C-alpha atoms as a PDB file:
ATOM      1  CA  MET A   1       0.000   0.000   0.000  1.00  0.00           C
ATOM      2  CA  SER A   2       1.410   3.401  -0.980  1.00  0.00           C
ATOM      3  CA  ASP A   3       1.694   6.251   1.507  1.00  0.00           C
ATOM      4  CA  MET A   4      -1.005   8.092  -0.483  1.00  0.00           C
ATOM      5  CA  GLU A   5      -3.444   5.182  -0.354  1.00  0.00           C
ATOM      6  CA  ARG A   6      -5.219   6.522   2.734  1.00  0.00           C
ATOM      7  CA  TRP A   7      -6.195   9.661   0.806  1.00  0.00           C
ATOM      8  CA  ARG A   8      -7.957   7.744  -1.982  1.00  0.00           C
ATOM      9  CA  GLY A   9     -11.576   8.868  -2.294  1.00  0.00           C
ATOM     10  CA  ARG A  10     -11.137  11.764   0.110  1.00  0.00           C
ATOM     11  CA  VAL A  11     -11.760  15.439  -0.672  1.00  0.00           C
ATOM     12  CA  ALA A  12      -9.140  18.087  -1.424  1.00  0.00           C
ATOM     13  CA  LEU A  13      -9.548  21.765  -2.256  1.00  0.00           C
ATOM     14  CA  VAL A  14      -6.919  23.373  -4.490  1.00  0.00           C
ATOM     15  CA  THR A  15      -7.124  27.133  -4.937  1.00  0.00           C
ATOM     16  CA  GLY A  16      -5.796  28.732  -8.112  1.00  0.00           C
ATOM     17  CA  ALA A  17      -6.189  25.433  -9.958  1.00  0.00           C
ATOM     18  CA  SER A  18      -6.510  26.777 -13.495  1.00  0.00           C
ATOM     19  CA  VAL A  19      -2.792  27.064 -14.317  1.00  0.00           C
ATOM     20  CA  GLY A  20       0.706  26.498 -13.003  1.00  0.00           C
ATOM     21  CA  ILE A  21       1.347  24.885  -9.634  1.00  0.00           C
ATOM     22  CA  GLY A  22      -2.350  24.678  -8.767  1.00  0.00           C
ATOM     23  CA  ASN A  23      -3.214  22.858 -11.968  1.00  0.00           C
ATOM     24  CA  ALA A  24      -0.296  20.439 -11.594  1.00  0.00           C
ATOM     25  CA  THR A  25      -1.261  19.762  -7.976  1.00  0.00           C
ATOM     26  CA  ALA A  26      -4.917  19.155  -8.829  1.00  0.00           C
ATOM     27  CA  ARG A  27      -3.826  16.706 -11.532  1.00  0.00           C
ATOM     28  CA  ALA A  28      -1.507  14.855  -9.168  1.00  0.00           C
ATOM     29  CA  LEU A  29      -4.161  14.483  -6.465  1.00  0.00           C
ATOM     30  CA  VAL A  30      -6.803  13.268  -8.936  1.00  0.00           C
ATOM     31  CA  GLN A  31      -4.338  10.719 -10.289  1.00  0.00           C
ATOM     32  CA  GLN A  32      -3.880   9.515  -6.692  1.00  0.00           C
ATOM     33  CA  GLY A  33      -7.629   8.892  -6.456  1.00  0.00           C
ATOM     34  CA  MET A  34      -8.738  11.998  -4.583  1.00  0.00           C
ATOM     35  CA  GLN A  35     -11.928  13.970  -5.202  1.00  0.00           C
ATOM     36  CA  VAL A  36     -10.514  17.410  -5.939  1.00  0.00           C
ATOM     37  CA  VAL A  37     -12.369  20.710  -5.947  1.00  0.00           C
ATOM     38  CA  GLY A  38     -10.342  23.134  -8.058  1.00  0.00           C
ATOM     39  CA  CYS A  39     -11.233  26.803  -7.848  1.00  0.00           C
ATOM     40  CA  ALA A  40     -10.299  29.901  -9.831  1.00  0.00           C
ATOM     41  CA  ARG A  41     -11.958  32.986 -11.257  1.00  0.00           C
ATOM     42  CA  ASP A  42     -11.692  31.442 -14.718  1.00  0.00           C
ATOM     43  CA  VAL A  43     -12.840  27.823 -14.581  1.00  0.00           C
ATOM     44  CA  ASP A  44     -12.652  27.034 -18.317  1.00  0.00           C
ATOM     45  CA  LYS A  45      -9.102  25.660 -18.003  1.00  0.00           C
ATOM     46  CA  ILE A  46     -10.090  23.618 -14.955  1.00  0.00           C
ATOM     47  CA  ARG A  47     -12.985  22.137 -16.933  1.00  0.00           C
ATOM     48  CA  GLU A  48     -10.550  21.203 -19.716  1.00  0.00           C
ATOM     49  CA  THR A  49      -8.245  19.534 -17.192  1.00  0.00           C
ATOM     50  CA  ALA A  50     -11.183  17.688 -15.598  1.00  0.00           C
ATOM     51  CA  ALA A  51     -12.317  16.338 -18.983  1.00  0.00           C
ATOM     52  CA  GLU A  52      -8.770  15.271 -19.859  1.00  0.00           C
ATOM     53  CA  LEU A  53      -8.328  13.431 -16.558  1.00  0.00           C
ATOM     54  CA  GLN A  54     -11.620  11.575 -17.024  1.00  0.00           C
ATOM     55  CA  GLN A  55     -10.670  10.583 -20.560  1.00  0.00           C
ATOM     56  CA  THR A  56      -7.351   9.165 -19.382  1.00  0.00           C
ATOM     57  CA  GLY A  57      -9.046   7.104 -16.667  1.00  0.00           C
ATOM     58  CA  ALA A  58      -7.676   8.912 -13.627  1.00  0.00           C
ATOM     59  CA  ALA A  59      -8.612   7.269 -10.344  1.00  0.00           C
ATOM     60  CA  GLY A  60     -10.200  10.399  -8.862  1.00  0.00           C
ATOM     61  CA  ARG A  61     -12.158  13.323 -10.219  1.00  0.00           C
ATOM     62  CA  LEU A  62     -11.727  17.089 -10.566  1.00  0.00           C
ATOM     63  CA  TYR A  63     -14.670  19.403  -9.844  1.00  0.00           C
ATOM     64  CA  PRO A  64     -14.308  22.990 -11.164  1.00  0.00           C
ATOM     65  CA  VAL A  65     -15.681  25.793  -8.979  1.00  0.00           C
ATOM     66  CA  LYS A  66     -15.677  29.495  -9.811  1.00  0.00           C
ATOM     67  CA  CYS A  67     -14.464  31.612  -6.905  1.00  0.00           C
ATOM     68  CA  ASP A  68     -12.916  35.057  -6.523  1.00  0.00           C
ATOM     69  CA  LEU A  69     -10.597  34.674  -3.540  1.00  0.00           C
ATOM     70  CA  THR A  70     -10.675  38.403  -2.838  1.00  0.00           C
ATOM     71  CA  VAL A  71     -14.376  38.139  -1.928  1.00  0.00           C
ATOM     72  CA  GLU A  72     -15.172  36.648   1.494  1.00  0.00           C
ATOM     73  CA  ALA A  73     -18.740  35.733   0.554  1.00  0.00           C
ATOM     74  CA  GLU A  74     -17.552  33.704  -2.446  1.00  0.00           C
ATOM     75  CA  ILE A  75     -15.041  31.784  -0.328  1.00  0.00           C
ATOM     76  CA  ARG A  76     -17.712  30.953   2.252  1.00  0.00           C
ATOM     77  CA  ALA A  77     -20.174  29.947  -0.483  1.00  0.00           C
ATOM     78  CA  MET A  78     -17.539  27.649  -1.990  1.00  0.00           C
ATOM     79  CA  PHE A  79     -17.035  25.859   1.337  1.00  0.00           C
ATOM     80  CA  ASP A  80     -20.790  25.560   1.813  1.00  0.00           C
ATOM     81  CA  ASN A  81     -20.971  23.970  -1.636  1.00  0.00           C
ATOM     82  CA  ILE A  82     -18.138  21.553  -0.822  1.00  0.00           C
ATOM     83  CA  GLU A  83     -19.933  20.513   2.363  1.00  0.00           C
ATOM     84  CA  SER A  84     -23.274  19.948   0.622  1.00  0.00           C
ATOM     85  CA  GLU A  85     -21.822  18.221  -2.450  1.00  0.00           C
ATOM     86  CA  HIS A  86     -18.885  16.291  -0.996  1.00  0.00           C
ATOM     87  CA  GLY A  87     -19.346  16.220   2.769  1.00  0.00           C
ATOM     88  CA  GLY A  88     -16.420  18.506   3.548  1.00  0.00           C
ATOM     89  CA  VAL A  89     -12.713  19.077   3.004  1.00  0.00           C
ATOM     90  CA  ASP A  90     -10.017  16.629   4.151  1.00  0.00           C
ATOM     91  CA  VAL A  91      -7.085  18.446   2.522  1.00  0.00           C
ATOM     92  CA  CYS A  92      -6.833  22.172   1.798  1.00  0.00           C
ATOM     93  CA  ILE A  93      -4.128  23.324  -0.626  1.00  0.00           C
ATOM     94  CA  ASN A  94      -3.817  27.122  -0.419  1.00  0.00           C
ATOM     95  CA  ASN A  95      -2.033  27.590  -3.707  1.00  0.00           C
ATOM     96  CA  ALA A  96      -3.362  30.852  -5.178  1.00  0.00           C
ATOM     97  CA  GLY A  97      -0.993  33.812  -4.931  1.00  0.00           C
ATOM     98  CA  LEU A  98       0.280  36.749  -6.924  1.00  0.00           C
ATOM     99  CA  ALA A  99       2.793  39.563  -7.026  1.00  0.00           C
ATOM    100  CA  VAL A 100       2.225  43.076  -8.288  1.00  0.00           C
ATOM    101  CA  LYS A 101       5.132  45.393  -9.063  1.00  0.00           C
ATOM    102  CA  ALA A 102       4.404  47.901  -6.323  1.00  0.00           C
ATOM    103  CA  PRO A 103       7.352  49.486  -4.492  1.00  0.00           C
ATOM    104  CA  LEU A 104       6.696  50.371  -0.863  1.00  0.00           C
ATOM    105  CA  LEU A 105       7.273  54.073  -1.519  1.00  0.00           C
ATOM    106  CA  ALA A 106       5.392  54.284  -4.808  1.00  0.00           C
ATOM    107  CA  GLY A 107       2.982  51.352  -5.020  1.00  0.00           C
ATOM    108  CA  SER A 108      -0.753  51.866  -5.069  1.00  0.00           C
ATOM    109  CA  PHE A 109      -2.940  51.003  -2.098  1.00  0.00           C
ATOM    110  CA  GLU A 110      -5.040  48.892  -4.489  1.00  0.00           C
ATOM    111  CA  ALA A 111      -2.003  46.751  -5.359  1.00  0.00           C
ATOM    112  CA  PHE A 112      -1.157  46.297  -1.683  1.00  0.00           C
ATOM    113  CA  ARG A 113      -4.756  45.358  -0.898  1.00  0.00           C
ATOM    114  CA  THR A 114      -4.921  42.805  -3.746  1.00  0.00           C
ATOM    115  CA  MET A 115      -1.749  41.046  -2.570  1.00  0.00           C
ATOM    116  CA  THR A 116      -3.007  41.085   1.020  1.00  0.00           C
ATOM    117  CA  ASP A 117      -6.403  39.672   0.054  1.00  0.00           C
ATOM    118  CA  VAL A 118      -5.062  36.864  -2.160  1.00  0.00           C
ATOM    119  CA  ASN A 119      -1.808  36.009  -0.387  1.00  0.00           C
ATOM    120  CA  ILE A 120      -2.802  36.381   3.287  1.00  0.00           C
ATOM    121  CA  LEU A 121      -6.526  36.739   3.984  1.00  0.00           C
ATOM    122  CA  SER A 122      -7.675  34.095   1.498  1.00  0.00           C
ATOM    123  CA  PRO A 123      -5.441  31.254   2.760  1.00  0.00           C
ATOM    124  CA  THR A 124      -6.197  32.236   6.351  1.00  0.00           C
ATOM    125  CA  LEU A 125      -9.962  32.059   5.824  1.00  0.00           C
ATOM    126  CA  CYS A 126      -9.713  28.875   3.734  1.00  0.00           C
ATOM    127  CA  SER A 127      -7.648  27.236   6.474  1.00  0.00           C
ATOM    128  CA  GLN A 128     -10.132  28.298   9.142  1.00  0.00           C
ATOM    129  CA  LEU A 129     -13.148  26.987   7.216  1.00  0.00           C
ATOM    130  CA  ALA A 130     -11.350  23.773   6.246  1.00  0.00           C
ATOM    131  CA  VAL A 131     -10.471  22.982   9.862  1.00  0.00           C
ATOM    132  CA  GLN A 132     -14.050  23.732  10.920  1.00  0.00           C
ATOM    133  CA  GLN A 133     -15.342  21.222   8.354  1.00  0.00           C
ATOM    134  CA  MET A 134     -12.803  18.619   9.411  1.00  0.00           C
ATOM    135  CA  ARG A 135     -13.619  18.906  13.106  1.00  0.00           C
ATOM    136  CA  LYS A 136     -17.368  18.932  12.447  1.00  0.00           C
ATOM    137  CA  ARG A 137     -16.984  15.503  10.810  1.00  0.00           C
ATOM    138  CA  GLY A 138     -14.488  14.143  13.317  1.00  0.00           C
ATOM    139  CA  VAL A 139     -11.619  14.200  10.793  1.00  0.00           C
ATOM    140  CA  ASP A 140      -8.427  14.217  12.866  1.00  0.00           C
ATOM    141  CA  ASP A 141      -5.881  13.499  10.126  1.00  0.00           C
ATOM    142  CA  GLY A 142      -6.649  16.354   7.726  1.00  0.00           C
ATOM    143  CA  HIS A 143      -3.962  18.552   6.239  1.00  0.00           C
ATOM    144  CA  ILE A 144      -3.535  22.242   5.386  1.00  0.00           C
ATOM    145  CA  ILE A 145      -0.766  22.965   2.863  1.00  0.00           C
ATOM    146  CA  THR A 146      -0.017  26.541   1.830  1.00  0.00           C
ATOM    147  CA  LEU A 147       2.222  27.644  -1.032  1.00  0.00           C
ATOM    148  CA  ASN A 148       4.760  29.948   0.518  1.00  0.00           C
ATOM    149  CA  SER A 149       7.936  31.186  -1.195  1.00  0.00           C
ATOM    150  CA  MET A 150      11.631  31.582  -0.535  1.00  0.00           C
ATOM    151  CA  ALA A 151      10.565  35.239  -0.356  1.00  0.00           C
ATOM    152  CA  GLY A 152       8.821  34.291   2.888  1.00  0.00           C
ATOM    153  CA  HIS A 153      12.199  33.560   4.483  1.00  0.00           C
ATOM    154  CA  ARG A 154      14.566  35.952   2.725  1.00  0.00           C
ATOM    155  CA  PHE A 155      13.913  39.450   1.411  1.00  0.00           C
ATOM    156  CA  ALA A 156      12.737  39.516  -2.211  1.00  0.00           C
ATOM    157  CA  VAL A 157      12.946  42.274  -4.810  1.00  0.00           C
ATOM    158  CA  VAL A 158       9.208  43.048  -4.518  1.00  0.00           C
ATOM    159  CA  ALA A 159       9.099  44.053  -0.861  1.00  0.00           C
ATOM    160  CA  PHE A 160       5.351  43.952  -0.276  1.00  0.00           C
ATOM    161  CA  TYR A 161       5.054  40.516  -1.899  1.00  0.00           C
ATOM    162  CA  SER A 162       7.831  39.341   0.402  1.00  0.00           C
ATOM    163  CA  MET A 163       5.899  40.775   3.355  1.00  0.00           C
ATOM    164  CA  THR A 164       2.853  38.704   2.435  1.00  0.00           C
ATOM    165  CA  LYS A 165       4.923  35.538   2.234  1.00  0.00           C
ATOM    166  CA  PHE A 166       6.589  36.213   5.593  1.00  0.00           C
ATOM    167  CA  ALA A 167       2.997  36.293   6.861  1.00  0.00           C
ATOM    168  CA  ILE A 168       2.443  32.772   5.475  1.00  0.00           C
ATOM    169  CA  THR A 169       5.493  31.561   7.397  1.00  0.00           C
ATOM    170  CA  ALA A 170       3.902  32.964  10.557  1.00  0.00           C
ATOM    171  CA  MET A 171       0.441  31.659   9.642  1.00  0.00           C
ATOM    172  CA  THR A 172       1.672  28.090   9.219  1.00  0.00           C
ATOM    173  CA  GLU A 173       3.363  28.090  12.609  1.00  0.00           C
ATOM    174  CA  GLY A 174       0.302  29.731  14.152  1.00  0.00           C
ATOM    175  CA  LEU A 175      -1.957  27.037  12.700  1.00  0.00           C
ATOM    176  CA  ARG A 176       0.323  24.301  13.999  1.00  0.00           C
ATOM    177  CA  ARG A 177       0.317  25.729  17.532  1.00  0.00           C
ATOM    178  CA  GLU A 178      -3.451  26.324  17.640  1.00  0.00           C
ATOM    179  CA  LEU A 179      -4.130  22.801  16.349  1.00  0.00           C
ATOM    180  CA  ARG A 180      -1.848  21.337  19.025  1.00  0.00           C
ATOM    181  CA  GLU A 181      -3.647  23.370  21.692  1.00  0.00           C
ATOM    182  CA  MET A 182      -6.908  21.805  20.427  1.00  0.00           C
ATOM    183  CA  LYS A 183      -5.324  18.339  20.799  1.00  0.00           C
ATOM    184  CA  SER A 184      -5.890  17.864  17.059  1.00  0.00           C
ATOM    185  CA  HIS A 185      -3.721  15.784  14.750  1.00  0.00           C
ATOM    186  CA  ILE A 186      -4.609  17.915  11.715  1.00  0.00           C
ATOM    187  CA  ARG A 187      -1.292  18.965  10.206  1.00  0.00           C
ATOM    188  CA  ALA A 188      -0.140  22.315   8.775  1.00  0.00           C
ATOM    189  CA  SER A 189       2.641  22.606   6.212  1.00  0.00           C
ATOM    190  CA  CYS A 190       3.952  25.007   3.623  1.00  0.00           C
ATOM    191  CA  ILE A 191       6.182  24.777   0.573  1.00  0.00           C
ATOM    192  CA  SER A 192       8.631  27.577  -0.189  1.00  0.00           C
ATOM    193  CA  PRO A 193       9.970  27.415  -3.744  1.00  0.00           C
ATOM    194  CA  ALA A 194      12.196  29.928  -5.482  1.00  0.00           C
ATOM    195  CA  ILE A 195      11.816  30.403  -9.256  1.00  0.00           C
ATOM    196  CA  VAL A 196       9.140  28.147 -10.746  1.00  0.00           C
ATOM    197  CA  GLU A 197       8.418  28.370 -14.467  1.00  0.00           C
ATOM    198  CA  THR A 198       4.732  29.294 -14.520  1.00  0.00           C
ATOM    199  CA  GLU A 199       2.737  32.366 -15.568  1.00  0.00           C
ATOM    200  CA  PHE A 200       3.738  34.112 -12.326  1.00  0.00           C
ATOM    201  CA  ALA A 201       6.585  36.285 -13.641  1.00  0.00           C
ATOM    202  CA  THR A 202       4.930  37.204 -16.939  1.00  0.00           C
ATOM    203  CA  ARG A 203       1.811  38.275 -15.049  1.00  0.00           C
ATOM    204  CA  MET A 204       3.871  40.306 -12.585  1.00  0.00           C
ATOM    205  CA  HIS A 205       5.645  42.020 -15.491  1.00  0.00           C
ATOM    206  CA  GLU A 206       2.427  42.511 -17.448  1.00  0.00           C
ATOM    207  CA  ASP A 207       3.800  45.746 -18.924  1.00  0.00           C
ATOM    208  CA  ASP A 208       6.817  43.824 -20.264  1.00  0.00           C
ATOM    209  CA  PRO A 209       6.058  40.060 -20.383  1.00  0.00           C
ATOM    210  CA  GLN A 210       9.351  39.383 -22.146  1.00  0.00           C
ATOM    211  CA  ARG A 211      11.133  40.236 -18.916  1.00  0.00           C
ATOM    212  CA  GLY A 212       9.392  37.292 -17.261  1.00  0.00           C
ATOM    213  CA  ARG A 213      10.184  34.981 -20.164  1.00  0.00           C
ATOM    214  CA  ASP A 214      13.841  36.062 -20.043  1.00  0.00           C
ATOM    215  CA  LEU A 215      13.966  35.216 -16.332  1.00  0.00           C
ATOM    216  CA  TYR A 216      12.704  31.706 -16.989  1.00  0.00           C
ATOM    217  CA  ALA A 217      15.144  31.255 -19.873  1.00  0.00           C
ATOM    218  CA  SER A 218      18.131  32.342 -17.789  1.00  0.00           C
ATOM    219  CA  ILE A 219      18.375  29.087 -15.785  1.00  0.00           C
ATOM    220  CA  GLU A 220      16.762  25.659 -15.598  1.00  0.00           C
ATOM    221  CA  CYS A 221      13.844  26.587 -13.345  1.00  0.00           C
ATOM    222  CA  LEU A 222      11.725  24.489 -11.038  1.00  0.00           C
ATOM    223  CA  GLN A 223       8.613  23.183 -12.783  1.00  0.00           C
ATOM    224  CA  ALA A 224       5.034  23.086 -11.499  1.00  0.00           C
ATOM    225  CA  LYS A 225       5.253  19.285 -11.291  1.00  0.00           C
ATOM    226  CA  ASP A 226       8.208  19.588  -8.897  1.00  0.00           C
ATOM    227  CA  ILE A 227       5.981  21.447  -6.463  1.00  0.00           C
ATOM    228  CA  ALA A 228       3.101  19.012  -6.977  1.00  0.00           C
ATOM    229  CA  ASP A 229       5.508  16.177  -6.156  1.00  0.00           C
ATOM    230  CA  SER A 230       6.356  17.983  -2.905  1.00  0.00           C
ATOM    231  CA  VAL A 231       2.648  18.137  -2.046  1.00  0.00           C
ATOM    232  CA  LEU A 232       2.442  14.358  -2.502  1.00  0.00           C
ATOM    233  CA  TYR A 233       5.557  13.923  -0.362  1.00  0.00           C
ATOM    234  CA  ILE A 234       4.008  15.953   2.470  1.00  0.00           C
ATOM    235  CA  LEU A 235       0.659  14.155   2.283  1.00  0.00           C
ATOM    236  CA  GLY A 236       2.373  10.784   2.056  1.00  0.00           C
ATOM    237  CA  ALA A 237       4.347  11.240   5.267  1.00  0.00           C
ATOM    238  CA  PRO A 238       3.264   8.960   8.143  1.00  0.00           C
ATOM    239  CA  PRO A 239       0.585  10.500  10.404  1.00  0.00           C
ATOM    240  CA  HIS A 240       3.083  11.058  13.213  1.00  0.00           C
ATOM    241  CA  VAL A 241       5.335  13.145  10.918  1.00  0.00           C
ATOM    242  CA  GLU A 242       4.506  16.809  10.284  1.00  0.00           C
ATOM    243  CA  ILE A 243       6.627  18.309   7.520  1.00  0.00           C
ATOM    244  CA  HIS A 244       6.514  21.956   8.458  1.00  0.00           C
ATOM    245  CA  ASP A 245       8.156  23.611   5.455  1.00  0.00           C
ATOM    246  CA  ILE A 246      10.042  22.628   2.322  1.00  0.00           C
ATOM    247  CA  LEU A 247      12.506  25.207   0.991  1.00  0.00           C
ATOM    248  CA  MET A 248      13.530  24.519  -2.588  1.00  0.00           C
ATOM    249  CA  ARG A 249      15.242  26.352  -5.409  1.00  0.00           C
ATOM    250  CA  PRO A 250      16.638  25.527  -8.848  1.00  0.00           C
ATOM    251  CA  THR A 251      20.155  24.126  -8.685  1.00  0.00           C
ATOM    252  CA  GLU A 252      21.344  26.898 -11.018  1.00  0.00           C
ATOM    253  CA  GLN A 253      19.783  29.759  -9.054  1.00  0.00           C
ATOM    254  CA  THR A 254      22.310  31.911  -7.211  1.00  0.00           C
ATOM    255  CA  THR A 255      20.174  34.420  -5.284  1.00  0.00           C
END
């Protein structure tokens, strides 16, 4: 029996599942036999992935859900839907995140608010609601995994983005301590990659997408699948092992 066998048939939520790390993670969990709710503002790509996985005979299934993670009511409605349709969440993957080029001394308040909403408030609320659903059903082996960044441990070029990721480092430890105080065995982990070749950099440099493409071409970057493999590694650890954080970077990356 594989370490992932105990998750077969159980329910995972993956935020930001339309592209990049979220899409790769949703695929990996479905292939392991999980029932995966994938959310994004644009669900067309998630629907395409769901159809592809069904056609290839994947053991689990992907359910697309439209959700704007900057809107509290939509997040709560999504969890209500998961409870009514699937019983509740067993695994919550807080993947969605973004960076906006907004210097501390010149960035717009709107940019700061967007990064705060998506990178901090959304994973915090999703974690809270996920744990509530787990405890309501007596699930004591659930797991919260949040996509952090090396920028959450070392200062990054975009200072406010780095601030939001430092918050995720604190959030993960805070979750772990509160869960222990509740005598719960629900685990909290995060993954902190450096440069991953996704749409992240081209979206951040939306005024000059070539700058993002040049960054990815400069070294052999981490790939979305590498992060998805780390998710499986964390979930596959024995119940008495809590992998708190995985820091990873491309071998060729220097800073």
